[in-house]
Amino acid sequence: MSTTRTLSIAAAVWFAAAAPADEPKGGAKPTHPLVGTWKCVSAKYGGREVPRPDGYTQLKHVTPAQFMWATCDGEGKVEDALGGSYTLKGDDYVETPEYGVGGALAQLKGKPQVFQWKVEGNKWHHTGKLSSGLTIEEVWERVEKK
């Protein structure tokens, strides 16, 4: 095979690989409304409103297969984090923590955490009872591109 032809084929393969993927075709499932990045804007644990200390932020990232949340102080240092797989069935959202840092990991690792969810506008309402018995009511706001 000539050098020119070999280079032409290599260039064609490279451009095809570098091109953006096509949009999903007719039978593909649309992205679920929970997929994205969320910021916790209110939380009740055990029925009590828990304000975040000044400068603290809790973010949750949901992909089609995994979740991960992290709480960061005002300097961006991660204080707690937890992540793993999740399942959705109707209005049930079940997280199974598999990795993390901080106190929550030891209590929750490998145990299904069952919640109910609903999205209204850009808010995700997340309620349930942890396997430790603690009830939670959280409201997350979708983080939009700036």
Protein backbone atom coordinates (compact mmCIF):
# COMPACT_ATOMS: atom_id res chain seq x y z
CA MET A 1 0.00 0.00 0.00
CA SER A 2 1.38 3.44 -0.86
CA THR A 3 2.43 5.84 1.88
CA THR A 4 -0.07 8.44 0.63
CA ARG A 5 -2.95 5.99 0.76
CA THR A 6 -1.93 4.77 4.23
CA LEU A 7 -1.79 8.37 5.49
CA SER A 8 -5.18 9.13 3.90
CA ILE A 9 -6.79 6.14 5.62
CA ALA A 10 -5.16 7.05 8.96
CA ALA A 11 -6.39 10.65 8.64
CA ALA A 12 -9.93 9.49 7.80
CA VAL A 13 -9.99 7.19 10.84
CA TRP A 14 -8.63 9.96 13.09
CA PHE A 15 -11.23 12.51 11.88
CA ALA A 16 -14.05 9.99 12.29
CA ALA A 17 -12.93 9.20 15.85
CA ALA A 18 -12.51 12.89 16.71
CA ALA A 19 -15.93 13.92 15.34
CA PRO A 20 -18.66 14.46 17.95
CA ALA A 21 -21.03 11.56 18.48
CA ASP A 22 -24.38 11.65 16.74
CA GLU A 23 -27.50 12.36 18.77
CA PRO A 24 -29.31 9.21 19.97
CA LYS A 25 -31.35 7.52 17.26
CA GLY A 26 -35.10 6.85 17.38
CA GLY A 27 -35.13 3.98 19.91
CA ALA A 28 -32.60 5.45 22.36
CA LYS A 29 -33.80 6.43 25.84
CA PRO A 30 -33.69 10.14 26.64
CA THR A 31 -31.45 11.31 29.48
CA HIS A 32 -33.18 10.94 32.85
CA PRO A 33 -34.09 14.23 34.59
CA LEU A 34 -31.79 13.45 37.55
CA VAL A 35 -28.67 13.25 35.39
CA GLY A 36 -26.62 16.38 36.00
CA THR A 37 -25.06 18.42 38.78
CA TRP A 38 -27.10 19.56 41.77
CA LYS A 39 -26.48 21.89 44.74
CA CYS A 40 -28.21 21.25 48.06
CA VAL A 41 -30.31 24.33 48.93
CA SER A 42 -32.14 22.99 52.00
CA ALA A 43 -31.98 19.95 54.23
CA LYS A 44 -33.91 18.49 57.15
CA TYR A 45 -32.40 15.55 59.00
CA GLY A 46 -34.53 13.84 61.63
CA GLY A 47 -37.20 16.52 61.05
CA ARG A 48 -34.85 19.41 61.89
CA GLU A 49 -33.72 22.07 59.42
CA VAL A 50 -29.94 21.93 59.15
CA PRO A 51 -28.32 25.13 57.87
CA ARG A 52 -24.96 24.86 56.12
CA PRO A 53 -22.07 26.66 57.83
CA ASP A 54 -21.01 29.82 56.00
CA GLY A 55 -19.09 29.03 52.84
CA TYR A 56 -19.98 25.32 52.82
CA THR A 57 -21.44 23.79 49.66
CA GLN A 58 -22.81 20.34 48.98
CA LEU A 59 -22.87 19.18 45.37
CA LYS A 60 -24.28 15.98 43.92
CA HIS A 61 -23.34 14.61 40.51
CA VAL A 62 -25.61 12.03 38.88
CA THR A 63 -24.53 10.18 35.74
CA PRO A 64 -26.61 7.54 33.95
CA ALA A 65 -24.97 4.87 36.18
CA GLN A 66 -23.51 6.50 39.33
CA PHE A 67 -24.08 9.23 41.93
CA MET A 68 -21.51 11.12 43.99
CA TRP A 69 -21.95 13.92 46.47
CA ALA A 70 -19.34 16.01 48.24
CA THR A 71 -19.49 18.66 50.94
CA CYS A 72 -16.80 21.33 50.62
CA ASP A 73 -15.76 24.11 52.97
CA GLY A 74 -15.23 27.72 51.89
CA GLU A 75 -11.70 26.90 50.70
CA GLY A 76 -12.90 24.04 48.47
CA LYS A 77 -11.62 21.30 50.78
CA VAL A 78 -13.81 18.18 50.70
CA GLU A 79 -15.07 17.38 54.20
CA ASP A 80 -17.35 14.44 53.31
CA ALA A 81 -18.08 12.55 50.10
CA LEU A 82 -20.02 9.47 49.14
CA GLY A 83 -20.75 7.73 45.87
CA GLY A 84 -21.76 4.54 44.17
CA SER A 85 -24.51 3.04 42.05
CA TYR A 86 -28.19 3.88 42.06
CA THR A 87 -31.42 2.54 40.61
CA LEU A 88 -34.67 4.23 39.64
CA LYS A 89 -38.06 2.56 39.65
CA GLY A 90 -41.04 4.88 39.44
CA ASP A 91 -40.61 7.50 42.15
CA ASP A 92 -38.14 5.31 44.10
CA TYR A 93 -34.49 6.34 43.91
CA VAL A 94 -32.16 3.86 45.64
CA GLU A 95 -28.50 4.70 46.23
CA THR A 96 -25.97 2.05 47.23
CA PRO A 97 -22.85 3.81 48.55
CA GLU A 98 -19.61 2.09 47.52
CA TYR A 99 -16.87 4.68 48.21
CA GLY A 100 -16.30 7.94 50.02
CA VAL A 101 -14.61 9.83 52.82
CA GLY A 102 -15.93 10.95 56.18
CA GLY A 103 -18.26 9.41 58.73
CA ALA A 104 -21.15 8.51 56.42
CA LEU A 105 -19.16 5.83 54.57
CA ALA A 106 -18.75 3.51 57.55
CA GLN A 107 -22.48 3.67 58.37
CA LEU A 108 -23.87 3.36 54.84
CA LYS A 109 -21.38 1.46 52.64
CA GLY A 110 -23.00 -1.37 50.70
CA LYS A 111 -26.47 -0.73 52.15
CA PRO A 112 -29.33 0.42 49.90
CA GLN A 113 -30.62 3.89 50.83
CA VAL A 114 -34.24 4.22 49.66
CA PHE A 115 -35.66 7.63 48.75
CA GLN A 116 -38.59 9.10 46.89
CA TRP A 117 -37.86 11.76 44.32
CA LYS A 118 -39.58 14.34 42.17
CA VAL A 119 -38.27 17.14 40.00
CA GLU A 120 -40.22 20.40 39.79
CA GLY A 121 -38.64 22.95 37.48
CA ASN A 122 -34.96 23.05 38.47
CA LYS A 123 -35.52 21.60 41.97
CA TRP A 124 -35.08 17.96 42.99
CA HIS A 125 -37.04 16.96 46.11
CA HIS A 126 -35.33 13.99 47.75
CA THR A 127 -36.92 12.33 50.82
CA GLY A 128 -36.51 9.05 52.64
CA LYS A 129 -34.99 7.16 55.51
CA LEU A 130 -31.36 6.08 55.63
CA SER A 131 -30.50 2.51 56.59
CA SER A 132 -29.29 4.02 59.88
CA GLY A 133 -32.90 5.14 60.58
CA LEU A 134 -32.32 8.88 60.02
CA THR A 135 -35.04 10.56 57.96
CA ILE A 136 -33.96 13.11 55.38
CA GLU A 137 -35.73 15.77 53.35
CA GLU A 138 -33.43 17.52 50.90
CA VAL A 139 -34.01 20.00 48.11
CA TRP A 140 -31.36 20.20 45.41
CA GLU A 141 -31.16 22.86 42.70
CA ARG A 142 -29.77 22.06 39.25
CA VAL A 143 -26.44 23.75 38.60
CA GLU A 144 -26.76 25.54 35.27
CA LYS A 145 -23.96 26.37 32.86
CA LYS A 146 -22.72 29.94 33.21
